[in-house]
Amino acid sequence: MITKDDVATALERIRPHVHRTPVLTSLRLGDRAGGLHLGFKCESFQRTGSFKARGALNAMMQLSPAERRKGVVTMSAGNHAQALAWAASVVGADCLTCMPEGASQSKIAATQGYGGKVEVVPGGMQRAFDRANEIAAQGRVMIHPFDDERVAAGQGTVALELLEQMPQLDTVIAPIGGGGLISGMSVALKSLKPDIRIFGVEPEGAATMRKSLDAGAVQRITPNSVADGLNAPLVCPMTLDVVRTQLDDVVIVTDDDILAAMRDLLSYAKLLVEPAGAAALAALLARKIRVEKGSHAAVIITGGNVDVQRLKQLL
């Protein structure tokens, strides 16, 4: 289990290489969300376009020289792929990502642009997970997108910055894919502000964490959501345990909710985000989360890597 010290150490480790992303506001969206002092933690402005750079770099910087020489492997729909390819280039390691057939061509190209290798795997995301595990068994070091304490601790550094930027913060909403981000953030947030309220958000087509919570054990699904960054086929015992013990709730939004929030972020906050990055706001605007009027709340804008070719259709 990761600790608050793991997150604090991760921030010191990665700070010279990542951006301290801004917290922006929108009075219009704050009013529509229920009269909130609403902040947007814009990880869409992070290196590689998402929060994933934090966890990937924290993991890569802790590899031994021998592990770096072996190279790394992972599986991803796109954002972790880009982040790990970039992080591997920082430390001088070879990186291979298994991506599912149908993955965004722009995310594949970006991963390759950062120096990473890509193997496109026929079938869905679960098959990409299986293929990456096969390659890891042959010698490469696995850097899992969420089932890795180093990755989750690195992603949790978002919370430490956020508390400095919004010291009156009382509510945080973040999307959940495999649960690495919200696990790292929750450990840091609860250690510093035990009374803070934390909510997770999943698309109805990829409600892996919600199903696992309801079943009391990790569940596998075949995800299908417009928010490809949240299409994890499973969570892991570590992230499930943190979410079970630290979060106030995990709520479900529709793809239409997500796309409406994506349009609103562009229209009113002038923020262009990918669907996964709009999920947290979608939960507020769709009234899936009730927050007291006047509260100081923040939503995590997890990424901005939207495929330009799909943008018109999505909007």
C-alpha atoms as a PDB file:
ATOM      1  CA  MET A   1       0.000   0.000   0.000  1.00  0.00           C
ATOM      2  CA  ILE A   2       1.340   3.445  -0.879  1.00  0.00           C
ATOM      3  CA  THR A   3       1.752   6.061   1.837  1.00  0.00           C
ATOM      4  CA  LYS A   4       1.699   9.846   1.996  1.00  0.00           C
ATOM      5  CA  ASP A   5       5.511   9.738   2.239  1.00  0.00           C
ATOM      6  CA  ASP A   6       5.670   7.809  -1.042  1.00  0.00           C
ATOM      7  CA  VAL A   7       3.676  10.580  -2.716  1.00  0.00           C
ATOM      8  CA  ALA A   8       5.766  13.356  -1.155  1.00  0.00           C
ATOM      9  CA  THR A   9       9.006  11.644  -2.196  1.00  0.00           C
ATOM     10  CA  ALA A  10       7.635  11.141  -5.701  1.00  0.00           C
ATOM     11  CA  LEU A  11       6.951  14.865  -6.017  1.00  0.00           C
ATOM     12  CA  GLU A  12      10.518  15.741  -5.076  1.00  0.00           C
ATOM     13  CA  ARG A  13      11.815  13.128  -7.512  1.00  0.00           C
ATOM     14  CA  ILE A  14       9.809  14.201 -10.552  1.00  0.00           C
ATOM     15  CA  ARG A  15       9.438  17.931  -9.864  1.00  0.00           C
ATOM     16  CA  PRO A  16      12.374  19.033 -12.079  1.00  0.00           C
ATOM     17  CA  HIS A  17      10.900  17.225 -15.086  1.00  0.00           C
ATOM     18  CA  VAL A  18       7.131  17.824 -14.970  1.00  0.00           C
ATOM     19  CA  HIS A  19       4.915  20.898 -15.077  1.00  0.00           C
ATOM     20  CA  ARG A  20       3.163  22.345 -12.058  1.00  0.00           C
ATOM     21  CA  THR A  21      -0.179  22.498 -13.821  1.00  0.00           C
ATOM     22  CA  PRO A  22      -2.545  25.439 -13.249  1.00  0.00           C
ATOM     23  CA  VAL A  23      -5.867  25.509 -11.438  1.00  0.00           C
ATOM     24  CA  LEU A  24      -8.334  27.526 -13.524  1.00  0.00           C
ATOM     25  CA  THR A  25     -11.869  28.623 -12.690  1.00  0.00           C
ATOM     26  CA  SER A  26     -15.185  29.315 -14.388  1.00  0.00           C
ATOM     27  CA  LEU A  27     -17.940  31.249 -12.610  1.00  0.00           C
ATOM     28  CA  ARG A  28     -20.488  30.002 -15.152  1.00  0.00           C
ATOM     29  CA  LEU A  29     -19.659  26.337 -14.609  1.00  0.00           C
ATOM     30  CA  GLY A  30     -19.355  26.817 -10.851  1.00  0.00           C
ATOM     31  CA  ASP A  31     -22.887  28.232 -10.810  1.00  0.00           C
ATOM     32  CA  ARG A  32     -24.224  25.415 -12.974  1.00  0.00           C
ATOM     33  CA  ALA A  33     -22.588  22.862 -10.693  1.00  0.00           C
ATOM     34  CA  GLY A  34     -24.602  24.164  -7.761  1.00  0.00           C
ATOM     35  CA  GLY A  35     -23.070  27.479  -6.754  1.00  0.00           C
ATOM     36  CA  LEU A  36     -19.570  26.171  -6.075  1.00  0.00           C
ATOM     37  CA  HIS A  37     -16.153  27.753  -5.928  1.00  0.00           C
ATOM     38  CA  LEU A  38     -15.030  25.370  -8.647  1.00  0.00           C
ATOM     39  CA  GLY A  39     -11.437  24.816  -9.732  1.00  0.00           C
ATOM     40  CA  PHE A  40     -10.121  22.793 -12.648  1.00  0.00           C
ATOM     41  CA  LYS A  41      -6.756  21.107 -12.059  1.00  0.00           C
ATOM     42  CA  CYS A  42      -5.568  21.120 -15.653  1.00  0.00           C
ATOM     43  CA  GLU A  43      -3.421  18.041 -16.176  1.00  0.00           C
ATOM     44  CA  SER A  44      -4.265  18.477 -19.835  1.00  0.00           C
ATOM     45  CA  PHE A  45      -1.335  20.939 -19.753  1.00  0.00           C
ATOM     46  CA  GLN A  46       1.015  18.329 -18.308  1.00  0.00           C
ATOM     47  CA  ARG A  47       3.891  16.859 -20.320  1.00  0.00           C
ATOM     48  CA  THR A  48       2.534  14.353 -22.867  1.00  0.00           C
ATOM     49  CA  GLY A  49      -0.905  15.904 -22.364  1.00  0.00           C
ATOM     50  CA  SER A  50      -2.053  14.042 -19.245  1.00  0.00           C
ATOM     51  CA  PHE A  51      -1.374  13.272 -15.579  1.00  0.00           C
ATOM     52  CA  LYS A  52       0.114   9.947 -16.662  1.00  0.00           C
ATOM     53  CA  ALA A  53       3.540  11.549 -17.073  1.00  0.00           C
ATOM     54  CA  ARG A  54       3.839  11.830 -13.291  1.00  0.00           C
ATOM     55  CA  GLY A  55       3.408   8.161 -12.505  1.00  0.00           C
ATOM     56  CA  ALA A  56       5.372   6.907 -15.477  1.00  0.00           C
ATOM     57  CA  LEU A  57       8.375   9.058 -14.634  1.00  0.00           C
ATOM     58  CA  ASN A  58       8.280   8.181 -10.937  1.00  0.00           C
ATOM     59  CA  ALA A  59       8.401   4.494 -11.847  1.00  0.00           C
ATOM     60  CA  MET A  60      11.117   4.852 -14.479  1.00  0.00           C
ATOM     61  CA  MET A  61      13.384   6.874 -12.201  1.00  0.00           C
ATOM     62  CA  GLN A  62      13.326   4.069  -9.627  1.00  0.00           C
ATOM     63  CA  LEU A  63      14.474   1.326 -12.005  1.00  0.00           C
ATOM     64  CA  SER A  64      17.950  -0.062 -11.515  1.00  0.00           C
ATOM     65  CA  PRO A  65      20.530   0.301 -14.322  1.00  0.00           C
ATOM     66  CA  ALA A  66      20.066  -3.382 -15.123  1.00  0.00           C
ATOM     67  CA  GLU A  67      16.284  -2.974 -15.401  1.00  0.00           C
ATOM     68  CA  ARG A  68      16.683   0.040 -17.661  1.00  0.00           C
ATOM     69  CA  ARG A  69      18.912  -2.005 -19.960  1.00  0.00           C
ATOM     70  CA  LYS A  70      16.206  -4.660 -20.263  1.00  0.00           C
ATOM     71  CA  GLY A  71      13.672  -2.096 -21.436  1.00  0.00           C
ATOM     72  CA  VAL A  72      10.072  -1.747 -20.286  1.00  0.00           C
ATOM     73  CA  VAL A  73       6.675  -2.871 -21.514  1.00  0.00           C
ATOM     74  CA  THR A  74       3.143  -1.759 -20.760  1.00  0.00           C
ATOM     75  CA  MET A  75      -0.381  -1.741 -22.109  1.00  0.00           C
ATOM     76  CA  SER A  76      -2.448   1.372 -22.794  1.00  0.00           C
ATOM     77  CA  ALA A  77      -5.196   2.956 -24.831  1.00  0.00           C
ATOM     78  CA  GLY A  78      -2.894   5.934 -25.332  1.00  0.00           C
ATOM     79  CA  ASN A  79      -2.085   8.294 -22.467  1.00  0.00           C
ATOM     80  CA  HIS A  80       0.046   5.918 -20.396  1.00  0.00           C
ATOM     81  CA  ALA A  81       1.709   4.832 -23.645  1.00  0.00           C
ATOM     82  CA  GLN A  82       2.786   8.383 -24.433  1.00  0.00           C
ATOM     83  CA  ALA A  83       3.817   9.068 -20.856  1.00  0.00           C
ATOM     84  CA  LEU A  84       5.936   5.952 -20.501  1.00  0.00           C
ATOM     85  CA  ALA A  85       7.632   6.499 -23.848  1.00  0.00           C
ATOM     86  CA  TRP A  86       8.544  10.019 -22.741  1.00  0.00           C
ATOM     87  CA  ALA A  87       9.666   8.882 -19.281  1.00  0.00           C
ATOM     88  CA  ALA A  88      11.768   6.117 -20.788  1.00  0.00           C
ATOM     89  CA  SER A  89      13.509   8.670 -22.995  1.00  0.00           C
ATOM     90  CA  VAL A  90      14.315  10.756 -19.894  1.00  0.00           C
ATOM     91  CA  VAL A  91      16.216   7.862 -18.288  1.00  0.00           C
ATOM     92  CA  GLY A  92      17.546   6.330 -21.509  1.00  0.00           C
ATOM     93  CA  ALA A  93      15.501   3.111 -21.653  1.00  0.00           C
ATOM     94  CA  ASP A  94      13.704   1.273 -24.453  1.00  0.00           C
ATOM     95  CA  CYS A  95       9.899   1.237 -24.232  1.00  0.00           C
ATOM     96  CA  LEU A  96       7.276  -0.983 -25.871  1.00  0.00           C
ATOM     97  CA  THR A  97       3.516  -0.509 -25.462  1.00  0.00           C
ATOM     98  CA  CYS A  98       0.779  -2.956 -26.411  1.00  0.00           C
ATOM     99  CA  MET A  99      -2.220  -0.976 -27.635  1.00  0.00           C
ATOM    100  CA  PRO A 100      -5.600  -2.435 -28.609  1.00  0.00           C
ATOM    101  CA  GLU A 101      -6.727  -2.512 -32.201  1.00  0.00           C
ATOM    102  CA  GLY A 102      -8.813   0.597 -32.769  1.00  0.00           C
ATOM    103  CA  ALA A 103      -6.716   2.793 -30.495  1.00  0.00           C
ATOM    104  CA  SER A 104      -6.481   6.446 -31.486  1.00  0.00           C
ATOM    105  CA  GLN A 105      -4.070   6.888 -34.370  1.00  0.00           C
ATOM    106  CA  SER A 106      -2.973  10.226 -32.970  1.00  0.00           C
ATOM    107  CA  LYS A 107      -2.059   8.581 -29.647  1.00  0.00           C
ATOM    108  CA  ILE A 108      -0.131   5.843 -31.427  1.00  0.00           C
ATOM    109  CA  ALA A 109       1.751   8.447 -33.470  1.00  0.00           C
ATOM    110  CA  ALA A 110       2.460  10.536 -30.362  1.00  0.00           C
ATOM    111  CA  THR A 111       3.831   7.498 -28.522  1.00  0.00           C
ATOM    112  CA  GLN A 112       6.156   6.786 -31.402  1.00  0.00           C
ATOM    113  CA  GLY A 113       7.085  10.452 -31.544  1.00  0.00           C
ATOM    114  CA  TYR A 114       8.342  10.236 -27.954  1.00  0.00           C
ATOM    115  CA  GLY A 115      10.592   7.356 -28.994  1.00  0.00           C
ATOM    116  CA  GLY A 116       8.380   4.471 -27.941  1.00  0.00           C
ATOM    117  CA  LYS A 117       7.617   1.301 -29.845  1.00  0.00           C
ATOM    118  CA  VAL A 118       3.999   0.222 -30.342  1.00  0.00           C
ATOM    119  CA  GLU A 119       2.543  -3.232 -30.919  1.00  0.00           C
ATOM    120  CA  VAL A 120      -1.108  -3.030 -31.996  1.00  0.00           C
ATOM    121  CA  VAL A 121      -2.923  -6.066 -30.584  1.00  0.00           C
ATOM    122  CA  PRO A 122      -6.059  -7.475 -32.261  1.00  0.00           C
ATOM    123  CA  GLY A 123      -9.013  -7.624 -29.898  1.00  0.00           C
ATOM    124  CA  GLY A 124      -9.919  -5.442 -26.977  1.00  0.00           C
ATOM    125  CA  MET A 125      -8.030  -3.932 -24.073  1.00  0.00           C
ATOM    126  CA  GLN A 126      -7.898  -7.211 -22.141  1.00  0.00           C
ATOM    127  CA  ARG A 127      -6.003  -8.832 -25.003  1.00  0.00           C
ATOM    128  CA  ALA A 128      -3.500  -5.950 -24.934  1.00  0.00           C
ATOM    129  CA  PHE A 129      -3.036  -6.582 -21.196  1.00  0.00           C
ATOM    130  CA  ASP A 130      -2.433 -10.271 -21.850  1.00  0.00           C
ATOM    131  CA  ARG A 131       0.078  -9.590 -24.625  1.00  0.00           C
ATOM    132  CA  ALA A 132       2.047  -7.150 -22.469  1.00  0.00           C
ATOM    133  CA  ASN A 133       2.254  -9.743 -19.713  1.00  0.00           C
ATOM    134  CA  GLU A 134       3.545 -12.283 -22.229  1.00  0.00           C
ATOM    135  CA  ILE A 135       6.306  -9.886 -23.299  1.00  0.00           C
ATOM    136  CA  ALA A 136       7.188  -9.088 -19.684  1.00  0.00           C
ATOM    137  CA  ALA A 137       7.629 -12.825 -19.018  1.00  0.00           C
ATOM    138  CA  GLN A 138      10.268 -12.816 -21.754  1.00  0.00           C
ATOM    139  CA  GLY A 139      12.436 -10.244 -19.971  1.00  0.00           C
ATOM    140  CA  ARG A 140      11.158  -6.680 -20.242  1.00  0.00           C
ATOM    141  CA  VAL A 141      10.179  -4.860 -17.051  1.00  0.00           C
ATOM    142  CA  MET A 142       6.440  -4.300 -16.670  1.00  0.00           C
ATOM    143  CA  ILE A 143       5.329  -0.764 -15.801  1.00  0.00           C
ATOM    144  CA  HIS A 144       1.633  -1.311 -15.257  1.00  0.00           C
ATOM    145  CA  PRO A 145      -0.624   1.712 -15.865  1.00  0.00           C
ATOM    146  CA  PHE A 146      -2.243   1.442 -12.413  1.00  0.00           C
ATOM    147  CA  ASP A 147      -1.251  -1.785 -10.605  1.00  0.00           C
ATOM    148  CA  ASP A 148       2.100  -0.333  -9.556  1.00  0.00           C
ATOM    149  CA  GLU A 149       2.733   1.525  -6.313  1.00  0.00           C
ATOM    150  CA  ARG A 150       5.375   3.725  -7.963  1.00  0.00           C
ATOM    151  CA  VAL A 151       2.923   4.791 -10.669  1.00  0.00           C
ATOM    152  CA  ALA A 152       0.101   5.499  -8.215  1.00  0.00           C
ATOM    153  CA  ALA A 153       2.413   7.489  -5.925  1.00  0.00           C
ATOM    154  CA  GLY A 154       3.593   9.605  -8.843  1.00  0.00           C
ATOM    155  CA  GLN A 155       0.044  10.306  -9.934  1.00  0.00           C
ATOM    156  CA  GLY A 156      -0.852  11.234  -6.369  1.00  0.00           C
ATOM    157  CA  THR A 157       1.430  14.267  -6.653  1.00  0.00           C
ATOM    158  CA  VAL A 158      -1.493  16.010  -8.372  1.00  0.00           C
ATOM    159  CA  ALA A 159      -3.119  16.221  -4.925  1.00  0.00           C
ATOM    160  CA  LEU A 160      -0.149  17.864  -3.208  1.00  0.00           C
ATOM    161  CA  GLU A 161      -0.046  20.626  -5.813  1.00  0.00           C
ATOM    162  CA  LEU A 162      -3.810  21.041  -5.685  1.00  0.00           C
ATOM    163  CA  LEU A 163      -3.875  21.587  -1.919  1.00  0.00           C
ATOM    164  CA  GLU A 164      -1.215  24.282  -2.241  1.00  0.00           C
ATOM    165  CA  GLN A 165      -3.206  25.985  -4.991  1.00  0.00           C
ATOM    166  CA  MET A 166      -6.633  25.631  -3.286  1.00  0.00           C
ATOM    167  CA  PRO A 167      -5.983  25.573   0.485  1.00  0.00           C
ATOM    168  CA  GLN A 168      -9.721  25.867   1.276  1.00  0.00           C
ATOM    169  CA  LEU A 169     -10.479  22.786  -0.789  1.00  0.00           C
ATOM    170  CA  ASP A 170     -13.180  20.547   0.710  1.00  0.00           C
ATOM    171  CA  THR A 171     -14.273  18.335  -2.221  1.00  0.00           C
ATOM    172  CA  VAL A 172     -12.334  16.605  -5.016  1.00  0.00           C
ATOM    173  CA  ILE A 173     -13.802  14.743  -7.991  1.00  0.00           C
ATOM    174  CA  ALA A 174     -11.647  12.628 -10.301  1.00  0.00           C
ATOM    175  CA  PRO A 175     -12.336  10.067 -13.022  1.00  0.00           C
ATOM    176  CA  ILE A 176     -11.433   6.412 -12.561  1.00  0.00           C
ATOM    177  CA  GLY A 177      -9.975   4.084 -15.153  1.00  0.00           C
ATOM    178  CA  GLY A 178      -7.899   1.501 -13.301  1.00  0.00           C
ATOM    179  CA  GLY A 179      -7.814   3.663 -10.186  1.00  0.00           C
ATOM    180  CA  GLY A 180      -4.153   4.660  -9.961  1.00  0.00           C
ATOM    181  CA  LEU A 181      -4.755   8.416  -9.977  1.00  0.00           C
ATOM    182  CA  ILE A 182      -7.536   8.473  -7.414  1.00  0.00           C
ATOM    183  CA  SER A 183      -5.670   6.008  -5.173  1.00  0.00           C
ATOM    184  CA  GLY A 184      -2.513   8.108  -5.045  1.00  0.00           C
ATOM    185  CA  MET A 185      -4.495  11.308  -4.615  1.00  0.00           C
ATOM    186  CA  SER A 186      -6.719   9.893  -1.885  1.00  0.00           C
ATOM    187  CA  VAL A 187      -3.810   8.724   0.240  1.00  0.00           C
ATOM    188  CA  ALA A 188      -2.239  12.196   0.046  1.00  0.00           C
ATOM    189  CA  LEU A 189      -5.484  14.133   0.523  1.00  0.00           C
ATOM    190  CA  LYS A 190      -6.790  12.156   3.486  1.00  0.00           C
ATOM    191  CA  SER A 191      -3.433  12.336   5.274  1.00  0.00           C
ATOM    192  CA  LEU A 192      -3.414  16.141   5.062  1.00  0.00           C
ATOM    193  CA  LYS A 193      -7.167  16.903   5.256  1.00  0.00           C
ATOM    194  CA  PRO A 194      -8.969  13.932   6.832  1.00  0.00           C
ATOM    195  CA  ASP A 195     -12.410  15.514   6.394  1.00  0.00           C
ATOM    196  CA  ILE A 196     -12.063  16.199   2.679  1.00  0.00           C
ATOM    197  CA  ARG A 197     -14.696  14.555   0.467  1.00  0.00           C
ATOM    198  CA  ILE A 198     -13.439  12.533  -2.510  1.00  0.00           C
ATOM    199  CA  PHE A 199     -15.592  11.177  -5.333  1.00  0.00           C
ATOM    200  CA  GLY A 200     -14.688   8.934  -8.232  1.00  0.00           C
ATOM    201  CA  VAL A 201     -16.465   8.980 -11.599  1.00  0.00           C
ATOM    202  CA  GLU A 202     -16.776   6.216 -14.186  1.00  0.00           C
ATOM    203  CA  PRO A 203     -18.599   5.958 -17.530  1.00  0.00           C
ATOM    204  CA  GLU A 204     -21.501   3.526 -17.522  1.00  0.00           C
ATOM    205  CA  GLY A 205     -19.753   1.546 -20.261  1.00  0.00           C
ATOM    206  CA  ALA A 206     -16.581   1.153 -18.185  1.00  0.00           C
ATOM    207  CA  ALA A 207     -17.791   0.983 -14.591  1.00  0.00           C
ATOM    208  CA  THR A 208     -15.060  -1.421 -13.517  1.00  0.00           C
ATOM    209  CA  MET A 209     -14.491   0.043 -10.061  1.00  0.00           C
ATOM    210  CA  ARG A 210     -18.184   0.411  -9.253  1.00  0.00           C
ATOM    211  CA  LYS A 211     -18.831  -3.222 -10.206  1.00  0.00           C
ATOM    212  CA  SER A 212     -15.848  -4.352  -8.146  1.00  0.00           C
ATOM    213  CA  LEU A 213     -17.013  -2.370  -5.127  1.00  0.00           C
ATOM    214  CA  ASP A 214     -20.505  -3.839  -5.400  1.00  0.00           C
ATOM    215  CA  ALA A 215     -19.132  -7.377  -5.751  1.00  0.00           C
ATOM    216  CA  GLY A 216     -16.529  -6.979  -3.013  1.00  0.00           C
ATOM    217  CA  ALA A 217     -13.736  -8.228  -5.279  1.00  0.00           C
ATOM    218  CA  VAL A 218     -11.952  -7.296  -8.499  1.00  0.00           C
ATOM    219  CA  GLN A 219     -14.199  -7.763 -11.532  1.00  0.00           C
ATOM    220  CA  ARG A 220     -13.318  -7.980 -15.212  1.00  0.00           C
ATOM    221  CA  ILE A 221     -15.462  -6.323 -17.857  1.00  0.00           C
ATOM    222  CA  THR A 222     -15.389  -5.545 -21.562  1.00  0.00           C
ATOM    223  CA  PRO A 223     -15.346  -1.741 -21.472  1.00  0.00           C
ATOM    224  CA  ASN A 224     -17.035   0.366 -24.103  1.00  0.00           C
ATOM    225  CA  SER A 225     -17.091   4.118 -23.584  1.00  0.00           C
ATOM    226  CA  VAL A 226     -16.371   7.191 -25.647  1.00  0.00           C
ATOM    227  CA  ALA A 227     -13.848   8.003 -22.893  1.00  0.00           C
ATOM    228  CA  ASP A 228     -11.127   5.654 -24.123  1.00  0.00           C
ATOM    229  CA  GLY A 229      -8.792   6.786 -21.351  1.00  0.00           C
ATOM    230  CA  LEU A 230     -11.180   5.210 -18.814  1.00  0.00           C
ATOM    231  CA  ASN A 231     -11.728   1.920 -20.641  1.00  0.00           C
ATOM    232  CA  ALA A 232      -9.881  -0.293 -18.164  1.00  0.00           C
ATOM    233  CA  PRO A 233     -11.065  -3.930 -18.255  1.00  0.00           C
ATOM    234  CA  LEU A 234     -10.250  -4.378 -14.565  1.00  0.00           C
ATOM    235  CA  VAL A 235      -9.004  -2.642 -11.454  1.00  0.00           C
ATOM    236  CA  CYS A 236      -6.507  -4.196  -9.035  1.00  0.00           C
ATOM    237  CA  PRO A 237      -6.607  -5.144  -5.343  1.00  0.00           C
ATOM    238  CA  MET A 238      -4.491  -2.130  -4.363  1.00  0.00           C
ATOM    239  CA  THR A 239      -6.684   0.478  -6.031  1.00  0.00           C
ATOM    240  CA  LEU A 240      -9.892  -1.287  -5.000  1.00  0.00           C
ATOM    241  CA  ASP A 241      -8.790  -1.292  -1.359  1.00  0.00           C
ATOM    242  CA  VAL A 242      -7.925   2.424  -1.371  1.00  0.00           C
ATOM    243  CA  VAL A 243     -11.175   3.382  -3.069  1.00  0.00           C
ATOM    244  CA  ARG A 244     -13.209   1.218  -0.683  1.00  0.00           C
ATOM    245  CA  THR A 245     -11.667   2.819   2.404  1.00  0.00           C
ATOM    246  CA  GLN A 246     -10.958   6.401   1.331  1.00  0.00           C
ATOM    247  CA  LEU A 247     -13.652   7.582  -1.108  1.00  0.00           C
ATOM    248  CA  ASP A 248     -17.100   8.922  -0.300  1.00  0.00           C
ATOM    249  CA  ASP A 249     -18.612   7.366  -3.417  1.00  0.00           C
ATOM    250  CA  VAL A 250     -18.033   6.240  -6.990  1.00  0.00           C
ATOM    251  CA  VAL A 251     -20.729   7.479  -9.368  1.00  0.00           C
ATOM    252  CA  ILE A 252     -21.641   6.627 -12.940  1.00  0.00           C
ATOM    253  CA  VAL A 253     -22.144   9.030 -15.858  1.00  0.00           C
ATOM    254  CA  THR A 254     -23.303   8.411 -19.404  1.00  0.00           C
ATOM    255  CA  ASP A 255     -21.293   9.084 -22.524  1.00  0.00           C
ATOM    256  CA  ASP A 256     -23.761  11.865 -23.320  1.00  0.00           C
ATOM    257  CA  ASP A 257     -23.027  13.426 -19.903  1.00  0.00           C
ATOM    258  CA  ILE A 258     -19.311  13.299 -20.672  1.00  0.00           C
ATOM    259  CA  LEU A 259     -19.634  14.828 -24.135  1.00  0.00           C
ATOM    260  CA  ALA A 260     -21.881  17.605 -22.819  1.00  0.00           C
ATOM    261  CA  ALA A 261     -19.273  18.467 -20.177  1.00  0.00           C
ATOM    262  CA  MET A 262     -16.561  18.366 -22.836  1.00  0.00           C
ATOM    263  CA  ARG A 263     -18.503  20.908 -24.904  1.00  0.00           C
ATOM    264  CA  ASP A 264     -19.126  23.082 -21.841  1.00  0.00           C
ATOM    265  CA  LEU A 265     -15.447  23.127 -20.904  1.00  0.00           C
ATOM    266  CA  LEU A 266     -14.621  24.356 -24.381  1.00  0.00           C
ATOM    267  CA  SER A 267     -17.463  26.878 -24.526  1.00  0.00           C
ATOM    268  CA  TYR A 268     -17.206  28.421 -21.061  1.00  0.00           C
ATOM    269  CA  ALA A 269     -13.726  27.662 -19.740  1.00  0.00           C
ATOM    270  CA  LYS A 270     -11.926  27.620 -23.114  1.00  0.00           C
ATOM    271  CA  LEU A 271     -10.432  24.238 -22.231  1.00  0.00           C
ATOM    272  CA  LEU A 272     -10.120  21.599 -24.923  1.00  0.00           C
ATOM    273  CA  VAL A 273     -10.034  18.197 -23.232  1.00  0.00           C
ATOM    274  CA  GLU A 274     -10.484  14.578 -24.210  1.00  0.00           C
ATOM    275  CA  PRO A 275     -13.657  12.786 -23.067  1.00  0.00           C
ATOM    276  CA  ALA A 276     -11.956  11.164 -20.061  1.00  0.00           C
ATOM    277  CA  GLY A 277     -10.824  14.607 -18.956  1.00  0.00           C
ATOM    278  CA  ALA A 278     -14.421  15.846 -18.823  1.00  0.00           C
ATOM    279  CA  ALA A 279     -15.847  12.968 -16.773  1.00  0.00           C
ATOM    280  CA  ALA A 280     -15.398  14.566 -13.348  1.00  0.00           C
ATOM    281  CA  LEU A 281     -17.213  17.749 -14.359  1.00  0.00           C
ATOM    282  CA  ALA A 282     -19.906  15.642 -16.032  1.00  0.00           C
ATOM    283  CA  ALA A 283     -20.788  14.119 -12.664  1.00  0.00           C
ATOM    284  CA  LEU A 284     -21.329  17.565 -11.139  1.00  0.00           C
ATOM    285  CA  LEU A 285     -23.322  18.993 -14.027  1.00  0.00           C
ATOM    286  CA  ALA A 286     -25.498  15.875 -14.253  1.00  0.00           C
ATOM    287  CA  ARG A 287     -26.138  16.140 -10.481  1.00  0.00           C
ATOM    288  CA  LYS A 288     -24.687  12.691  -9.812  1.00  0.00           C
ATOM    289  CA  ILE A 289     -22.749  14.243  -6.920  1.00  0.00           C
ATOM    290  CA  ARG A 290     -24.336  16.598  -4.408  1.00  0.00           C
ATOM    291  CA  VAL A 291     -21.996  19.256  -3.063  1.00  0.00           C
ATOM    292  CA  GLU A 292     -23.149  21.962  -0.667  1.00  0.00           C
ATOM    293  CA  LYS A 293     -23.544  25.431  -2.187  1.00  0.00           C
ATOM    294  CA  GLY A 294     -20.490  27.592  -1.524  1.00  0.00           C
ATOM    295  CA  SER A 295     -18.150  24.611  -1.236  1.00  0.00           C
ATOM    296  CA  HIS A 296     -14.608  24.802  -2.577  1.00  0.00           C
ATOM    297  CA  ALA A 297     -14.459  21.923  -5.032  1.00  0.00           C
ATOM    298  CA  ALA A 298     -11.970  20.804  -7.661  1.00  0.00           C
ATOM    299  CA  VAL A 299     -12.353  18.511 -10.637  1.00  0.00           C
ATOM    300  CA  ILE A 300      -9.329  16.850 -12.194  1.00  0.00           C
ATOM    301  CA  ILE A 301      -9.006  17.501 -15.917  1.00  0.00           C
ATOM    302  CA  THR A 302      -6.950  14.398 -16.551  1.00  0.00           C
ATOM    303  CA  GLY A 303      -5.948  14.880 -20.174  1.00  0.00           C
ATOM    304  CA  GLY A 304      -6.262  16.778 -23.406  1.00  0.00           C
ATOM    305  CA  ASN A 305      -5.196  14.202 -25.975  1.00  0.00           C
ATOM    306  CA  VAL A 306      -8.297  14.299 -28.122  1.00  0.00           C
ATOM    307  CA  ASP A 307      -8.024  12.998 -31.669  1.00  0.00           C
ATOM    308  CA  VAL A 308      -8.442  15.979 -33.979  1.00  0.00           C
ATOM    309  CA  GLN A 309     -10.165  13.859 -36.595  1.00  0.00           C
ATOM    310  CA  ARG A 310     -12.872  12.884 -34.083  1.00  0.00           C
ATOM    311  CA  LEU A 311     -13.214  16.300 -32.467  1.00  0.00           C
ATOM    312  CA  LYS A 312     -16.021  17.630 -34.637  1.00  0.00           C
ATOM    313  CA  GLN A 313     -18.035  14.443 -34.205  1.00  0.00           C
ATOM    314  CA  LEU A 314     -17.516  14.433 -30.433  1.00  0.00           C
ATOM    315  CA  LEU A 315     -18.502  18.057 -30.006  1.00  0.00           C
END
